[in-house]
């Protein structure tokens, strides 16, 4: 069953004919759903019918990486019918700035993570009398998301940039913050805890804080199994932002851990069966939507980088520099897909609770099949561990430890 329209055909204000698709990557769906792969999708009759007529441009948007993703199947299907029609692709999922050209008349752009970047792609469509194989003139730009960037590109000053509609929206957002009590303070964060700015094992890392303090403390509250030995595994893709010193508010809670996943567990797992569990998960588990490492480029192209602030310095598959604002590259340390709280100090024969986030249950069970052969663990062995959801663990911890 499709969700929404499978495609749309429209004309631009200047009369250019566009055929547009929105596509998902091969990704496991929620219970009772399956996501069709792009390779299978392009074999469908509806897709073949949709691309029969040649437009001036194919515009494709999808939650698929532009490097190493599943776009080639879609690109090849269109090229089999229309070898030279320009194609513009906007991708995603790997949370980085990236751009690739699949041929001289196709460009694919990916625009960073969490609205930190506004990606801009443009092309000069060929004239009617141009050669059908001539190169298409593409350009792309990665704009830092901030007021200074917007003022510069709109040629506005601080006094002339705001519009009546913009002020209305800001006032509405402030009213929503009051309505949902987003300024409520749970405690005071004693220091900065970056997500990717330090190694995940560093005591200053948010991941270390979650593993050694937040999850063990929060999950022990109102839990009848709190005193039993347990091994807690969690996905490194859960945090969406670092923590900064100062008041920790409901707004921060929503920013840092937005997903309301449940904690579940498998009881009475022999401790010996979990020793290699984490390493197997990280070698075979899902990519967990982790942001990719920033790829460094030669800063000499910017001249002497005096006074530059830390930020994105992007190398992609296009010819020239795409970063709108030059930066000194940020230090980025990417953790493995899964992390764990400290292992309980118990004998290998001790039966423990294996605790994890429900979204990754399939990966957890699959790894257990490789660490032991005594029991074939299935969904029936999994039970709710705590009424506390992942997105509330930080506020519970803050009220207890950051008063």
Protein backbone atom coordinates (compact mmCIF):
# COMPACT_ATOMS: atom_id res chain seq x y z
CA UNK A 1 0.00 0.00 0.00
CA UNK A 2 1.49 3.36 -0.95
CA UNK A 3 1.64 6.20 1.58
CA UNK A 4 0.54 9.32 -0.24
CA UNK A 5 1.11 9.79 -3.98
CA UNK A 6 3.72 7.58 -5.61
CA UNK A 7 4.81 10.43 -7.88
CA UNK A 8 3.76 13.84 -9.15
CA UNK A 9 4.10 15.60 -12.49
CA UNK A 10 4.01 19.38 -12.60
CA UNK A 11 5.23 22.43 -14.47
CA UNK A 12 7.45 25.16 -13.08
CA UNK A 13 6.54 28.83 -13.39
CA UNK A 14 8.66 28.96 -16.55
CA UNK A 15 6.91 25.96 -18.05
CA UNK A 16 9.51 23.26 -17.39
CA UNK A 17 7.95 19.81 -17.06
CA UNK A 18 9.01 17.88 -13.95
CA UNK A 19 8.41 14.26 -12.91
CA UNK A 20 9.10 13.79 -9.20
CA UNK A 21 9.35 10.76 -6.87
CA UNK A 22 9.75 10.31 -3.11
CA UNK A 23 11.59 7.10 -2.22
CA UNK A 24 12.52 5.19 0.94
CA UNK A 25 15.57 3.00 1.36
CA UNK A 26 15.32 -0.72 2.14
CA UNK A 27 14.58 -0.40 5.83
CA UNK A 28 12.76 -2.62 8.23
CA UNK A 29 9.41 -1.17 9.08
CA UNK A 30 7.42 -1.15 12.29
CA UNK A 31 5.40 -4.21 13.28
CA UNK A 32 3.19 -5.37 10.44
CA UNK A 33 4.91 -3.28 7.77
CA UNK A 34 7.63 -3.77 5.18
CA UNK A 35 9.45 -1.16 3.13
CA UNK A 36 9.90 -2.06 -0.52
CA UNK A 37 13.45 -1.74 -1.83
CA UNK A 38 14.14 0.80 -4.61
CA UNK A 39 15.45 -2.05 -6.79
CA UNK A 40 12.06 -3.77 -6.53
CA UNK A 41 10.13 -0.52 -6.85
CA UNK A 42 11.57 0.32 -10.28
CA UNK A 43 10.26 -3.02 -11.59
CA UNK A 44 6.68 -2.07 -10.75
CA UNK A 45 4.30 -1.32 -13.63
CA UNK A 46 3.27 2.00 -12.09
CA UNK A 47 6.89 3.22 -12.01
CA UNK A 48 7.57 2.17 -15.60
CA UNK A 49 4.37 3.92 -16.68
CA UNK A 50 5.34 7.06 -14.73
CA UNK A 51 8.66 7.45 -16.53
CA UNK A 52 7.41 6.61 -20.03
CA UNK A 53 6.82 10.27 -20.86
CA UNK A 54 10.02 12.30 -20.93
CA UNK A 55 9.98 15.46 -18.80
CA UNK A 56 12.51 18.29 -18.84
CA UNK A 57 13.74 17.11 -15.45
CA UNK A 58 13.42 14.19 -13.04
CA UNK A 59 13.38 15.46 -9.43
CA UNK A 60 13.84 12.68 -6.87
CA UNK A 61 13.85 12.98 -3.08
CA UNK A 62 14.55 10.12 -0.70
CA UNK A 63 15.91 8.94 2.64
CA UNK A 64 18.87 7.28 0.92
CA UNK A 65 22.61 8.13 1.11
CA UNK A 66 24.05 9.69 -2.05
CA UNK A 67 27.28 7.72 -1.53
CA UNK A 68 27.00 3.95 -1.18
CA UNK A 69 23.22 3.98 -1.12
CA UNK A 70 20.49 2.55 -3.33
CA UNK A 71 20.15 5.43 -5.78
CA UNK A 72 22.00 3.57 -8.60
CA UNK A 73 19.01 1.24 -9.10
CA UNK A 74 16.66 4.21 -9.57
CA UNK A 75 19.14 6.11 -11.70
CA UNK A 76 19.76 3.09 -13.96
CA UNK A 77 16.02 2.47 -14.43
CA UNK A 78 15.45 6.04 -15.60
CA UNK A 79 18.57 6.03 -17.78
CA UNK A 80 17.40 2.83 -19.51
CA UNK A 81 14.42 4.79 -20.84
CA UNK A 82 15.80 8.33 -20.98
CA UNK A 83 19.60 8.27 -21.40
CA UNK A 84 20.09 12.03 -21.31
CA UNK A 85 17.24 13.65 -19.33
CA UNK A 86 18.64 15.74 -16.44
CA UNK A 87 18.13 14.25 -12.97
CA UNK A 88 18.33 16.04 -9.62
CA UNK A 89 18.45 13.88 -6.47
CA UNK A 90 18.16 14.97 -2.84
CA UNK A 91 19.24 12.20 -0.44
CA UNK A 92 19.74 11.69 3.28
CA UNK A 93 20.20 9.22 6.15
CA UNK A 94 23.98 9.41 6.76
CA UNK A 95 23.72 12.89 8.32
CA UNK A 96 26.56 14.49 6.42
CA UNK A 97 27.24 17.00 3.70
CA UNK A 98 27.79 15.04 0.51
CA UNK A 99 27.40 15.46 -3.21
CA UNK A 100 27.93 13.00 -6.07
CA UNK A 101 27.50 13.07 -9.83
CA UNK A 102 26.33 9.74 -11.26
CA UNK A 103 26.81 11.02 -14.81
CA UNK A 104 27.28 14.35 -16.57
CA UNK A 105 23.54 15.10 -16.41
CA UNK A 106 22.78 13.90 -12.84
CA UNK A 107 23.62 15.35 -9.44
CA UNK A 108 22.78 13.98 -5.99
CA UNK A 109 23.00 16.15 -2.86
CA UNK A 110 22.85 15.32 0.85
CA UNK A 111 22.63 18.25 3.24
CA UNK A 112 24.05 17.46 6.65
CA UNK A 113 22.21 16.60 9.84
CA UNK A 114 19.39 17.97 12.02
CA UNK A 115 18.89 21.21 10.07
CA UNK A 116 22.46 22.35 10.76
CA UNK A 117 22.79 22.83 7.01
CA UNK A 118 20.62 24.21 4.25
CA UNK A 119 21.70 22.49 1.05
CA UNK A 120 21.28 24.38 -2.22
CA UNK A 121 21.50 22.70 -5.62
CA UNK A 122 20.95 24.41 -8.94
CA UNK A 123 21.31 23.51 -12.59
CA UNK A 124 21.09 25.26 -15.90
CA UNK A 125 18.72 23.18 -17.99
CA UNK A 126 19.91 22.60 -21.55
CA UNK A 127 18.48 24.71 -24.33
CA UNK A 128 16.32 22.99 -26.92
CA UNK A 129 19.07 23.09 -29.57
CA UNK A 130 21.85 21.85 -27.24
CA UNK A 131 23.42 18.45 -27.78
CA UNK A 132 21.55 15.81 -25.73
CA UNK A 133 24.89 14.56 -24.40
CA UNK A 134 26.34 17.95 -23.40
CA UNK A 135 27.31 18.45 -19.77
CA UNK A 136 24.68 20.04 -17.56
CA UNK A 137 25.96 22.96 -15.47
CA UNK A 138 25.26 22.03 -11.83
CA UNK A 139 26.19 23.90 -8.66
CA UNK A 140 25.75 23.14 -4.97
CA UNK A 141 26.29 24.99 -1.71
CA UNK A 142 26.16 24.03 1.98
CA UNK A 143 24.84 26.94 4.05
CA UNK A 144 25.32 27.03 7.82
CA UNK A 145 21.93 27.44 9.48
CA UNK A 146 22.06 30.78 11.27
CA UNK A 147 20.77 34.30 10.99
CA UNK A 148 24.08 35.74 9.75
CA UNK A 149 24.08 33.34 6.78
CA UNK A 150 20.51 34.21 5.88
CA UNK A 151 21.11 37.95 6.15
CA UNK A 152 24.17 37.74 3.94
CA UNK A 153 22.45 35.80 1.16
CA UNK A 154 19.31 37.95 1.24
CA UNK A 155 21.37 41.14 1.40
CA UNK A 156 19.56 42.30 4.53
CA UNK A 157 20.76 44.01 7.69
CA UNK A 158 19.82 43.12 11.24
CA UNK A 159 17.19 45.85 11.10
CA UNK A 160 15.65 44.85 7.77
CA UNK A 161 15.83 41.04 7.87
CA UNK A 162 12.78 40.27 10.03
CA UNK A 163 9.40 40.09 8.34
CA UNK A 164 5.97 40.39 9.89
CA UNK A 165 5.34 36.71 9.13
CA UNK A 166 8.66 35.72 10.69
CA UNK A 167 7.88 37.63 13.88
CA UNK A 168 4.46 35.98 13.99
CA UNK A 169 6.04 32.53 13.72
CA UNK A 170 8.60 33.33 16.44
CA UNK A 171 5.83 34.52 18.74
CA UNK A 172 3.89 31.34 18.01
CA UNK A 173 6.89 29.16 18.84
CA UNK A 174 7.40 31.04 22.10
CA UNK A 175 3.75 30.45 22.96
CA UNK A 176 4.15 26.75 22.22
CA UNK A 177 7.21 26.63 24.48
CA UNK A 178 5.05 28.04 27.28
CA UNK A 179 2.16 25.72 26.47
CA UNK A 180 4.36 22.61 26.65
CA UNK A 181 6.42 23.93 29.55
CA UNK A 182 9.68 23.59 27.60
CA UNK A 183 11.54 25.95 29.94
CA UNK A 184 10.92 23.76 33.00
CA UNK A 185 14.30 23.08 34.64
CA UNK A 186 15.10 19.58 35.94
CA UNK A 187 18.57 20.40 37.21
CA UNK A 188 21.92 21.98 36.40
CA UNK A 189 24.37 20.19 34.11
CA UNK A 190 27.81 20.54 35.77
CA UNK A 191 29.86 20.56 32.53
CA UNK A 192 29.67 20.14 28.78
CA UNK A 193 29.12 16.59 27.55
CA UNK A 194 29.71 16.57 23.77
CA UNK A 195 28.43 13.75 21.61
CA UNK A 196 31.08 13.51 18.89
CA UNK A 197 33.67 16.06 20.03
CA UNK A 198 35.58 13.58 22.24
CA UNK A 199 36.07 9.78 22.15
CA UNK A 200 32.98 7.96 23.38
CA UNK A 201 34.98 6.36 26.21
CA UNK A 202 36.11 9.75 27.56
CA UNK A 203 34.63 10.79 30.90
CA UNK A 204 33.56 14.05 29.21
CA UNK A 205 31.54 12.22 26.54
CA UNK A 206 27.76 12.13 26.55
CA UNK A 207 27.94 8.44 25.63
CA UNK A 208 30.11 7.71 28.68
CA UNK A 209 27.68 9.64 30.89
CA UNK A 210 24.73 7.66 29.55
CA UNK A 211 26.51 4.31 30.00
CA UNK A 212 27.99 4.81 33.45
CA UNK A 213 25.47 7.09 35.11
CA UNK A 214 22.21 8.02 33.40
CA UNK A 215 20.87 4.63 32.29
CA UNK A 216 21.92 2.62 35.37
CA UNK A 217 20.51 5.24 37.74
CA UNK A 218 17.32 6.02 35.84
CA UNK A 219 16.40 2.40 35.11
CA UNK A 220 16.85 1.46 38.77
CA UNK A 221 13.95 3.71 39.77
CA UNK A 222 10.59 1.99 40.44
CA UNK A 223 11.92 -1.27 39.04
CA UNK A 224 11.33 -4.58 40.80
CA UNK A 225 14.36 -6.10 39.03
CA UNK A 226 16.77 -3.28 39.85
CA UNK A 227 18.77 -5.36 42.34
CA UNK A 228 19.35 -8.23 39.88
CA UNK A 229 22.53 -8.30 37.76
CA UNK A 230 21.91 -6.82 34.33
CA UNK A 231 23.72 -5.89 31.14
CA UNK A 232 22.27 -2.81 29.39
CA UNK A 233 22.91 -2.28 25.69
CA UNK A 234 21.83 0.89 23.89
CA UNK A 235 22.23 2.34 20.37
CA UNK A 236 24.74 5.15 19.92
CA UNK A 237 22.30 6.72 17.46
CA UNK A 238 19.89 7.59 20.27
CA UNK A 239 21.39 10.97 21.28
CA UNK A 240 20.69 13.69 18.75
CA UNK A 241 22.72 16.45 20.38
CA UNK A 242 25.30 17.06 23.09
CA UNK A 243 24.71 18.49 26.56
CA UNK A 244 25.92 21.90 27.63
CA UNK A 245 26.72 23.14 31.14
CA UNK A 246 23.87 25.03 32.77
CA UNK A 247 20.16 24.52 33.26
CA UNK A 248 18.79 21.25 31.92
CA UNK A 249 15.26 21.92 30.71
CA UNK A 250 12.44 19.97 29.12
CA UNK A 251 13.52 21.51 25.82
CA UNK A 252 17.01 20.02 26.27
CA UNK A 253 15.43 16.66 27.12
CA UNK A 254 13.56 16.65 23.80
CA UNK A 255 16.63 17.74 21.85
CA UNK A 256 19.12 15.26 23.25
CA UNK A 257 17.04 12.06 23.49
CA UNK A 258 13.87 12.55 21.43
CA UNK A 259 12.94 8.91 20.82
CA UNK A 260 10.37 7.37 23.16
CA UNK A 261 11.68 3.80 22.86
CA UNK A 262 10.84 1.19 25.49
CA UNK A 263 13.39 -0.78 27.47
CA UNK A 264 12.83 -4.52 27.29
CA UNK A 265 14.81 -7.48 28.58
CA UNK A 266 15.50 -11.18 28.32
CA UNK A 267 15.70 -12.76 31.78
CA UNK A 268 18.06 -15.50 32.92
CA UNK A 269 20.67 -15.21 30.19
CA UNK A 270 23.97 -16.86 31.20
CA UNK A 271 26.56 -14.12 31.64
CA UNK A 272 28.99 -16.06 29.44
CA UNK A 273 26.56 -15.76 26.52
CA UNK A 274 26.76 -11.97 26.55
CA UNK A 275 30.54 -11.44 26.66
CA UNK A 276 30.84 -11.30 22.85
CA UNK A 277 27.35 -10.00 22.25
CA UNK A 278 28.33 -6.35 21.86
CA UNK A 279 31.18 -7.03 19.43
CA UNK A 280 28.89 -9.17 17.25
CA UNK A 281 26.22 -6.47 17.28
CA UNK A 282 28.75 -3.88 16.16
CA UNK A 283 30.13 -6.03 13.38
CA UNK A 284 26.80 -7.21 12.01
CA UNK A 285 24.08 -4.94 13.37
CA UNK A 286 22.31 -2.03 11.71
CA UNK A 287 24.12 1.17 10.82
CA UNK A 288 21.91 2.86 13.40
CA UNK A 289 21.69 6.16 11.52
CA UNK A 290 25.03 7.26 12.88
CA UNK A 291 26.54 10.38 11.31
CA UNK A 292 29.54 9.71 9.13
CA UNK A 293 32.95 11.16 9.92
CA UNK A 294 33.75 14.57 8.50
CA UNK A 295 36.23 14.21 5.67
CA UNK A 296 38.99 16.79 5.85
CA UNK A 297 40.12 18.87 2.89
CA UNK A 298 43.11 21.08 2.19
CA UNK A 299 42.44 24.34 4.04
CA UNK A 300 44.91 26.16 1.78
CA UNK A 301 42.06 26.70 -0.66
CA UNK A 302 40.70 29.21 1.84
CA UNK A 303 44.02 31.01 2.26
CA UNK A 304 45.37 31.59 5.77
CA UNK A 305 42.61 30.29 8.12
CA UNK A 306 43.12 32.89 10.84
CA UNK A 307 40.08 33.46 13.05
CA UNK A 308 38.03 30.62 11.58
CA UNK A 309 35.57 28.93 13.90
CA UNK A 310 35.18 25.14 14.19
CA UNK A 311 32.67 23.71 11.76
CA UNK A 312 32.14 21.57 8.71
CA UNK A 313 34.93 21.26 6.16
CA UNK A 314 33.52 19.10 3.42
CA UNK A 315 35.10 17.05 0.67
CA UNK A 316 32.57 15.52 -1.70
CA UNK A 317 32.31 14.29 -5.27
CA UNK A 318 32.01 17.71 -6.89
CA UNK A 319 34.76 19.83 -8.32
CA UNK A 320 34.93 22.90 -6.08
CA UNK A 321 34.43 23.90 -2.44
CA UNK A 322 30.81 23.62 -1.35
CA UNK A 323 30.96 24.97 2.21
CA UNK A 324 29.48 28.46 2.19
CA UNK A 325 31.44 29.51 5.29
CA UNK A 326 35.07 28.38 5.77
CA UNK A 327 35.80 26.66 9.09
CA UNK A 328 38.55 24.89 10.95
CA UNK A 329 37.55 21.18 10.90
CA UNK A 330 35.81 19.96 14.04
CA UNK A 331 37.18 17.01 15.97
CA UNK A 332 34.76 14.15 15.38
CA UNK A 333 34.87 10.77 17.09
CA UNK A 334 32.21 8.38 15.87
CA UNK A 335 31.21 5.59 18.30
CA UNK A 336 30.27 2.07 17.20
CA UNK A 337 26.57 1.41 16.49
CA UNK A 338 25.94 -0.10 19.92
CA UNK A 339 27.30 0.77 23.37
CA UNK A 340 26.80 -0.84 26.76
CA UNK A 341 26.73 -0.03 30.44
CA UNK A 342 29.47 -1.64 32.56
CA UNK A 343 29.24 -5.42 32.65
CA UNK A 344 28.11 -6.81 36.02
CA UNK A 345 30.83 -8.33 38.20
CA UNK A 346 29.47 -11.87 38.18
CA UNK A 347 30.63 -15.37 37.27
CA UNK A 348 30.10 -16.68 33.76
CA UNK A 349 27.44 -19.08 35.00
CA UNK A 350 25.37 -16.34 36.65
CA UNK A 351 21.98 -15.70 35.07
CA UNK A 352 21.49 -12.03 34.26
CA UNK A 353 18.95 -9.71 32.64
CA UNK A 354 19.91 -8.63 29.12
CA UNK A 355 18.34 -5.17 28.79
CA UNK A 356 18.03 -3.25 25.53
CA UNK A 357 15.90 -0.83 23.50
CA UNK A 358 12.91 -2.44 21.81
CA UNK A 359 13.58 -0.95 18.38
CA UNK A 360 16.71 -3.10 18.04
CA UNK A 361 15.19 -6.35 19.24
CA UNK A 362 15.83 -8.14 15.92
CA UNK A 363 19.55 -7.37 16.05
CA UNK A 364 19.80 -8.39 19.71
CA UNK A 365 18.15 -11.78 19.12
CA UNK A 366 20.21 -12.45 16.01
CA UNK A 367 23.45 -11.83 17.93
CA UNK A 368 22.36 -14.11 20.77
CA UNK A 369 22.13 -16.99 18.31
CA UNK A 370 25.86 -16.60 17.70
CA UNK A 371 26.98 -16.31 21.32
CA UNK A 372 25.31 -19.51 22.55
CA UNK A 373 23.43 -22.50 21.20
CA UNK A 374 21.56 -23.70 24.28
CA UNK A 375 18.42 -21.62 23.70
CA UNK A 376 16.96 -20.23 20.50
CA UNK A 377 15.84 -16.84 21.74
CA UNK A 378 12.77 -15.36 20.03
CA UNK A 379 10.33 -12.53 20.62
CA UNK A 380 8.49 -14.65 23.19
CA UNK A 381 11.53 -14.45 25.49
CA UNK A 382 11.40 -10.63 25.58
CA UNK A 383 9.51 -8.73 28.32
CA UNK A 384 9.02 -5.06 29.28
CA UNK A 385 11.79 -4.01 31.66
CA UNK A 386 10.68 -0.59 32.86
CA UNK A 387 7.80 1.84 32.30
CA UNK A 388 10.48 4.52 31.84
CA UNK A 389 11.09 5.34 28.20
CA UNK A 390 14.45 6.30 26.72
CA UNK A 391 13.48 9.94 26.19
CA UNK A 392 12.77 10.39 29.93
CA UNK A 393 15.97 8.91 31.35
CA UNK A 394 17.91 12.17 31.37
CA UNK A 395 15.24 14.14 33.24
CA UNK A 396 14.93 11.37 35.87
CA UNK A 397 18.70 11.41 36.33
CA UNK A 398 18.82 15.22 36.41
CA UNK A 399 16.25 15.41 39.20
CA UNK A 400 18.26 12.91 41.25
CA UNK A 401 21.84 14.01 40.59
CA UNK A 402 21.79 17.53 39.13
CA UNK A 403 19.59 19.35 41.65
